[in-house]
Amino acid sequence: MARKEFTFKGKTLEDLQKMGLKEFQDLLTSRQRRSLKRGLTVQQKKVMERVKGNKQVIKTHCRDMIILPDMVNKTLRVHNGKEFVAVIIVPEMIGHYLGEFVFTRKKVSHHAPGIGATRSSASLSVK
């Protein structure tokens, strides 16, 4: 079975990469479009320079960066508040924020209750 070719609002990845930022932002949802119309921040401009400069490892704290077509097939290490988590950008991520793919909270996993946590364990002797 042939793999379905990626399209974003009827445009192929090659078409998106040839577009300018002004043309691309018209395809996005209103929140992303308004964010790009205000212009990229200084941090976002630095990330884009590194992406276009073909750096191998791109580390960033910029979680509010919108994923653009130029970033596809790159690996970015995005900070989650404690460490940098690697994110491989695929075409389906276009138009989303980097922070959406790096969680800031871990899943809570509870273990057995401690001594004194329940009435039955309160009377146990601690050895």
N, C-alpha and C. Protein backbone atom coordinates (compact mmCIF):
# COMPACT_ATOMS: atom_id res chain seq x y z
N MET A 1 0.84 -1.18 0.00
CA MET A 1 0.00 0.00 0.00
C MET A 1 0.89 1.24 0.00
N ALA A 2 0.62 2.17 -0.89
CA ALA A 2 1.42 3.39 -1.01
C ALA A 2 1.11 4.32 0.15
N ARG A 3 2.14 5.00 0.60
CA ARG A 3 1.97 5.93 1.71
C ARG A 3 1.33 7.22 1.19
N LYS A 4 0.38 7.73 1.95
CA LYS A 4 -0.32 8.94 1.55
C LYS A 4 0.62 10.14 1.70
N GLU A 5 0.64 11.00 0.71
CA GLU A 5 1.51 12.16 0.73
C GLU A 5 0.95 13.20 1.69
N PHE A 6 1.85 13.87 2.43
CA PHE A 6 1.43 14.87 3.40
C PHE A 6 0.94 16.14 2.70
N THR A 7 -0.18 16.65 3.15
CA THR A 7 -0.67 17.96 2.69
C THR A 7 -1.13 18.76 3.90
N PHE A 8 -0.95 20.06 3.83
CA PHE A 8 -1.39 20.99 4.87
C PHE A 8 -2.25 22.03 4.20
N LYS A 9 -3.56 21.96 4.45
CA LYS A 9 -4.53 22.86 3.84
C LYS A 9 -4.41 22.85 2.31
N GLY A 10 -4.19 21.64 1.76
CA GLY A 10 -4.12 21.46 0.31
C GLY A 10 -2.76 21.71 -0.31
N LYS A 11 -1.77 22.05 0.49
CA LYS A 11 -0.42 22.33 -0.03
C LYS A 11 0.53 21.20 0.40
N THR A 12 1.42 20.82 -0.50
CA THR A 12 2.42 19.80 -0.18
C THR A 12 3.55 20.43 0.63
N LEU A 13 4.40 19.59 1.20
CA LEU A 13 5.51 20.08 2.00
C LEU A 13 6.45 20.96 1.17
N GLU A 14 6.70 20.57 -0.07
CA GLU A 14 7.58 21.35 -0.94
C GLU A 14 6.99 22.73 -1.20
N ASP A 15 5.67 22.79 -1.43
CA ASP A 15 5.00 24.08 -1.64
C ASP A 15 5.12 24.97 -0.40
N LEU A 16 4.95 24.36 0.76
CA LEU A 16 5.03 25.12 2.01
C LEU A 16 6.43 25.68 2.23
N GLN A 17 7.45 24.88 1.90
CA GLN A 17 8.83 25.33 2.10
C GLN A 17 9.22 26.43 1.14
N LYS A 18 8.58 26.49 -0.03
CA LYS A 18 8.87 27.55 -1.00
C LYS A 18 8.15 28.85 -0.65
N MET A 19 7.07 28.76 0.14
CA MET A 19 6.29 29.94 0.51
C MET A 19 7.09 30.86 1.43
N GLY A 20 6.71 32.12 1.39
CA GLY A 20 7.24 33.07 2.35
C GLY A 20 6.45 32.97 3.65
N LEU A 21 6.95 33.63 4.68
CA LEU A 21 6.28 33.59 5.98
C LEU A 21 4.90 34.23 5.91
N LYS A 22 4.77 35.31 5.14
CA LYS A 22 3.48 36.01 5.03
C LYS A 22 2.41 35.11 4.38
N GLU A 23 2.80 34.39 3.34
CA GLU A 23 1.85 33.49 2.67
C GLU A 23 1.49 32.32 3.57
N PHE A 24 2.51 31.79 4.29
CA PHE A 24 2.28 30.63 5.15
C PHE A 24 1.36 30.96 6.31
N GLN A 25 1.52 32.14 6.89
CA GLN A 25 0.71 32.48 8.06
C GLN A 25 -0.77 32.60 7.72
N ASP A 26 -1.10 32.84 6.47
CA ASP A 26 -2.51 32.90 6.06
C ASP A 26 -3.17 31.52 6.11
N LEU A 27 -2.38 30.46 6.09
CA LEU A 27 -2.92 29.10 6.16
C LEU A 27 -3.16 28.63 7.59
N LEU A 28 -2.58 29.33 8.56
CA LEU A 28 -2.65 28.89 9.96
C LEU A 28 -3.96 29.30 10.61
N THR A 29 -4.19 28.77 11.81
CA THR A 29 -5.36 29.16 12.58
C THR A 29 -5.12 30.56 13.14
N SER A 30 -6.17 31.17 13.66
CA SER A 30 -6.10 32.59 14.03
C SER A 30 -5.05 32.88 15.10
N ARG A 31 -4.93 32.02 16.10
CA ARG A 31 -3.98 32.29 17.17
C ARG A 31 -2.54 32.28 16.66
N GLN A 32 -2.19 31.28 15.86
CA GLN A 32 -0.84 31.21 15.31
C GLN A 32 -0.61 32.35 14.31
N ARG A 33 -1.63 32.65 13.53
CA ARG A 33 -1.51 33.72 12.53
C ARG A 33 -1.23 35.06 13.21
N ARG A 34 -1.96 35.36 14.28
CA ARG A 34 -1.75 36.62 15.01
C ARG A 34 -0.37 36.67 15.63
N SER A 35 0.09 35.53 16.15
CA SER A 35 1.41 35.47 16.76
C SER A 35 2.50 35.77 15.73
N LEU A 36 2.38 35.20 14.53
CA LEU A 36 3.39 35.44 13.49
C LEU A 36 3.29 36.84 12.91
N LYS A 37 2.09 37.41 12.86
CA LYS A 37 1.95 38.78 12.34
C LYS A 37 2.66 39.78 13.24
N ARG A 38 2.72 39.51 14.53
CA ARG A 38 3.43 40.40 15.45
C ARG A 38 4.94 40.32 15.23
N GLY A 39 5.39 39.27 14.57
CA GLY A 39 6.81 39.10 14.31
C GLY A 39 7.43 38.12 15.29
N LEU A 40 8.55 37.55 14.90
CA LEU A 40 9.26 36.61 15.76
C LEU A 40 10.00 37.36 16.85
N THR A 41 10.06 36.76 18.04
CA THR A 41 10.83 37.35 19.13
C THR A 41 12.31 37.13 18.86
N VAL A 42 13.15 37.73 19.69
CA VAL A 42 14.60 37.59 19.53
C VAL A 42 15.00 36.12 19.68
N GLN A 43 14.43 35.42 20.68
CA GLN A 43 14.74 34.00 20.87
C GLN A 43 14.32 33.18 19.66
N GLN A 44 13.12 33.47 19.14
CA GLN A 44 12.61 32.71 17.99
C GLN A 44 13.47 32.95 16.76
N LYS A 45 13.97 34.17 16.58
CA LYS A 45 14.85 34.46 15.45
C LYS A 45 16.16 33.68 15.56
N LYS A 46 16.69 33.54 16.79
CA LYS A 46 17.92 32.77 16.99
C LYS A 46 17.70 31.30 16.65
N VAL A 47 16.53 30.76 17.05
CA VAL A 47 16.21 29.36 16.73
C VAL A 47 16.14 29.18 15.21
N MET A 48 15.50 30.11 14.52
CA MET A 48 15.36 30.01 13.06
C MET A 48 16.73 30.11 12.37
N GLU A 49 17.62 30.95 12.89
CA GLU A 49 18.98 31.05 12.32
C GLU A 49 19.70 29.72 12.44
N ARG A 50 19.56 29.07 13.60
CA ARG A 50 20.22 27.78 13.80
C ARG A 50 19.61 26.70 12.92
N VAL A 51 18.29 26.75 12.73
CA VAL A 51 17.63 25.76 11.86
C VAL A 51 18.10 25.93 10.43
N LYS A 52 18.16 27.16 9.96
CA LYS A 52 18.59 27.41 8.58
C LYS A 52 20.09 27.22 8.40
N GLY A 53 20.84 27.33 9.50
CA GLY A 53 22.28 27.14 9.45
C GLY A 53 22.69 25.68 9.52
N ASN A 54 21.71 24.76 9.54
CA ASN A 54 21.96 23.31 9.57
C ASN A 54 22.82 22.87 10.75
N LYS A 55 22.59 23.47 11.92
CA LYS A 55 23.27 22.99 13.12
C LYS A 55 22.76 21.61 13.47
N GLN A 56 23.63 20.78 14.02
CA GLN A 56 23.26 19.42 14.36
C GLN A 56 22.33 19.38 15.56
N VAL A 57 22.76 19.98 16.68
CA VAL A 57 21.97 19.97 17.90
C VAL A 57 21.48 21.39 18.16
N ILE A 58 20.18 21.55 18.18
CA ILE A 58 19.59 22.86 18.43
C ILE A 58 18.87 22.78 19.76
N LYS A 59 19.44 23.42 20.78
CA LYS A 59 18.82 23.45 22.10
C LYS A 59 18.09 24.78 22.24
N THR A 60 16.90 24.72 22.83
CA THR A 60 16.14 25.95 23.01
C THR A 60 15.23 25.88 24.23
N HIS A 61 15.00 27.04 24.81
CA HIS A 61 14.02 27.19 25.87
C HIS A 61 12.72 27.75 25.28
N CYS A 62 12.72 28.02 24.01
CA CYS A 62 11.63 28.72 23.34
C CYS A 62 10.49 27.74 23.02
N ARG A 63 9.62 27.51 24.01
CA ARG A 63 8.52 26.57 23.86
C ARG A 63 7.36 27.17 23.07
N ASP A 64 7.33 28.50 22.94
CA ASP A 64 6.22 29.15 22.25
C ASP A 64 6.50 29.37 20.76
N MET A 65 7.54 28.71 20.25
CA MET A 65 7.88 28.81 18.83
C MET A 65 6.91 27.96 18.01
N ILE A 66 6.34 28.56 16.97
CA ILE A 66 5.45 27.82 16.08
C ILE A 66 6.30 27.03 15.11
N ILE A 67 5.95 25.78 14.89
CA ILE A 67 6.73 24.92 14.00
C ILE A 67 6.43 25.31 12.56
N LEU A 68 7.48 25.71 11.85
CA LEU A 68 7.39 26.17 10.47
C LEU A 68 7.89 25.08 9.53
N PRO A 69 7.54 25.16 8.25
CA PRO A 69 7.96 24.11 7.30
C PRO A 69 9.47 23.94 7.19
N ASP A 70 10.25 24.99 7.47
CA ASP A 70 11.71 24.89 7.39
C ASP A 70 12.28 23.95 8.45
N MET A 71 11.53 23.70 9.52
CA MET A 71 12.02 22.88 10.63
C MET A 71 11.81 21.39 10.42
N VAL A 72 11.09 21.00 9.39
CA VAL A 72 10.76 19.59 9.18
C VAL A 72 12.04 18.77 8.98
N ASN A 73 12.07 17.59 9.58
CA ASN A 73 13.20 16.64 9.55
C ASN A 73 14.40 17.13 10.35
N LYS A 74 14.21 18.07 11.26
CA LYS A 74 15.27 18.52 12.16
C LYS A 74 14.99 17.96 13.55
N THR A 75 16.01 17.89 14.38
CA THR A 75 15.85 17.47 15.77
C THR A 75 16.16 18.66 16.65
N LEU A 76 15.19 19.07 17.44
CA LEU A 76 15.36 20.17 18.38
C LEU A 76 15.28 19.61 19.79
N ARG A 77 16.11 20.14 20.67
CA ARG A 77 16.07 19.75 22.07
C ARG A 77 15.42 20.89 22.83
N VAL A 78 14.19 20.65 23.30
CA VAL A 78 13.36 21.67 23.93
C VAL A 78 13.38 21.46 25.44
N HIS A 79 13.52 22.54 26.18
CA HIS A 79 13.62 22.47 27.63
C HIS A 79 12.24 22.27 28.25
N ASN A 80 12.13 21.34 29.21
CA ASN A 80 10.84 21.09 29.85
C ASN A 80 10.80 21.64 31.28
N GLY A 81 11.80 22.42 31.66
CA GLY A 81 11.88 22.96 33.00
C GLY A 81 12.96 22.29 33.83
N LYS A 82 13.38 21.11 33.42
CA LYS A 82 14.42 20.37 34.13
C LYS A 82 15.53 19.93 33.20
N GLU A 83 15.17 19.49 32.00
CA GLU A 83 16.16 18.96 31.06
C GLU A 83 15.71 19.26 29.64
N PHE A 84 16.61 19.02 28.69
CA PHE A 84 16.28 19.20 27.29
C PHE A 84 15.79 17.88 26.72
N VAL A 85 14.61 17.88 26.11
CA VAL A 85 14.00 16.67 25.55
C VAL A 85 14.06 16.78 24.02
N ALA A 86 14.56 15.73 23.37
CA ALA A 86 14.69 15.72 21.92
C ALA A 86 13.33 15.58 21.25
N VAL A 87 13.09 16.42 20.25
CA VAL A 87 11.85 16.37 19.47
C VAL A 87 12.24 16.32 18.01
N ILE A 88 11.83 15.26 17.32
CA ILE A 88 12.07 15.15 15.88
C ILE A 88 10.85 15.74 15.18
N ILE A 89 11.08 16.76 14.39
CA ILE A 89 9.97 17.48 13.75
C ILE A 89 9.54 16.72 12.50
N VAL A 90 8.27 16.34 12.45
CA VAL A 90 7.68 15.68 11.29
C VAL A 90 6.65 16.62 10.67
N PRO A 91 6.28 16.42 9.41
CA PRO A 91 5.37 17.36 8.74
C PRO A 91 4.04 17.56 9.45
N GLU A 92 3.53 16.54 10.15
CA GLU A 92 2.23 16.67 10.81
C GLU A 92 2.26 17.68 11.96
N MET A 93 3.45 18.09 12.41
CA MET A 93 3.57 19.04 13.52
C MET A 93 3.49 20.49 13.08
N ILE A 94 3.49 20.75 11.78
CA ILE A 94 3.48 22.12 11.28
C ILE A 94 2.27 22.87 11.82
N GLY A 95 2.53 24.09 12.30
CA GLY A 95 1.46 24.94 12.83
C GLY A 95 1.24 24.80 14.32
N HIS A 96 1.86 23.80 14.96
CA HIS A 96 1.74 23.62 16.40
C HIS A 96 2.91 24.32 17.10
N TYR A 97 2.84 24.41 18.42
CA TYR A 97 3.92 24.99 19.20
C TYR A 97 4.88 23.89 19.65
N LEU A 98 6.16 24.25 19.83
CA LEU A 98 7.15 23.28 20.29
C LEU A 98 6.78 22.72 21.67
N GLY A 99 6.26 23.56 22.53
CA GLY A 99 5.92 23.15 23.89
C GLY A 99 4.85 22.08 23.97
N GLU A 100 4.06 21.93 22.91
CA GLU A 100 3.00 20.92 22.91
C GLU A 100 3.56 19.50 22.90
N PHE A 101 4.79 19.34 22.47
CA PHE A 101 5.37 18.01 22.31
C PHE A 101 6.37 17.66 23.41
N VAL A 102 6.55 18.57 24.37
CA VAL A 102 7.45 18.33 25.49
C VAL A 102 6.67 18.62 26.77
N PHE A 103 6.37 17.58 27.51
CA PHE A 103 5.56 17.73 28.71
C PHE A 103 6.40 18.26 29.87
N THR A 104 5.79 19.11 30.69
CA THR A 104 6.50 19.69 31.82
C THR A 104 6.24 18.93 33.11
N ARG A 105 5.29 18.02 33.10
CA ARG A 105 4.95 17.25 34.30
C ARG A 105 5.07 15.77 34.01
N LYS A 106 5.53 15.03 35.01
CA LYS A 106 5.64 13.59 34.87
C LYS A 106 4.33 12.93 35.31
N LYS A 107 4.14 11.72 34.89
CA LYS A 107 2.99 10.93 35.34
C LYS A 107 3.24 10.52 36.78
N VAL A 108 2.24 10.65 37.63
CA VAL A 108 2.37 10.29 39.03
C VAL A 108 2.17 8.80 39.18
N SER A 109 3.12 8.16 39.83
CA SER A 109 2.98 6.73 40.10
C SER A 109 3.14 6.53 41.60
N HIS A 110 2.09 6.08 42.24
CA HIS A 110 2.09 5.89 43.69
C HIS A 110 2.56 4.48 44.03
N HIS A 111 3.22 4.35 45.17
CA HIS A 111 3.70 3.06 45.63
C HIS A 111 2.90 2.65 46.86
N ALA A 112 3.38 1.67 47.60
CA ALA A 112 2.70 1.19 48.80
C ALA A 112 2.69 2.29 49.86
N PRO A 113 1.65 2.33 50.67
CA PRO A 113 1.60 3.36 51.71
C PRO A 113 2.68 3.14 52.76
N GLY A 114 3.11 4.22 53.39
CA GLY A 114 4.16 4.15 54.40
C GLY A 114 3.60 3.72 55.75
N ILE A 115 4.47 3.55 56.72
CA ILE A 115 4.06 3.15 58.06
C ILE A 115 3.30 4.31 58.70
N GLY A 116 2.15 4.01 59.26
CA GLY A 116 1.33 5.03 59.89
C GLY A 116 0.33 5.66 58.94
N ALA A 117 0.35 5.26 57.67
CA ALA A 117 -0.57 5.84 56.70
C ALA A 117 -1.98 5.31 56.87
N THR A 118 -2.11 4.08 57.35
CA THR A 118 -3.43 3.49 57.59
C THR A 118 -3.49 3.02 59.03
N ARG A 119 -4.70 2.74 59.52
CA ARG A 119 -4.86 2.30 60.93
C ARG A 119 -4.16 0.96 61.17
N SER A 120 -4.19 0.08 60.19
CA SER A 120 -3.58 -1.24 60.40
C SER A 120 -2.05 -1.16 60.46
N SER A 121 -1.47 -0.23 59.74
CA SER A 121 0.00 -0.13 59.74
C SER A 121 0.50 0.73 60.89
N ALA A 122 -0.39 1.41 61.61
CA ALA A 122 0.05 2.26 62.71
C ALA A 122 0.55 1.44 63.88
N SER A 123 0.07 0.24 64.05
CA SER A 123 0.46 -0.57 65.20
C SER A 123 1.66 -1.47 64.90
N LEU A 124 2.17 -1.45 63.68
CA LEU A 124 3.34 -2.28 63.34
C LEU A 124 4.59 -1.73 64.01
N SER A 125 5.46 -2.61 64.41
CA SER A 125 6.72 -2.16 64.99
C SER A 125 7.72 -1.88 63.87
N VAL A 126 8.50 -0.88 64.06
CA VAL A 126 9.50 -0.51 63.06
C VAL A 126 10.82 -1.16 63.47
N LYS A 127 11.36 -2.05 62.64
CA LYS A 127 12.62 -2.71 62.97
C LYS A 127 13.71 -2.22 62.08
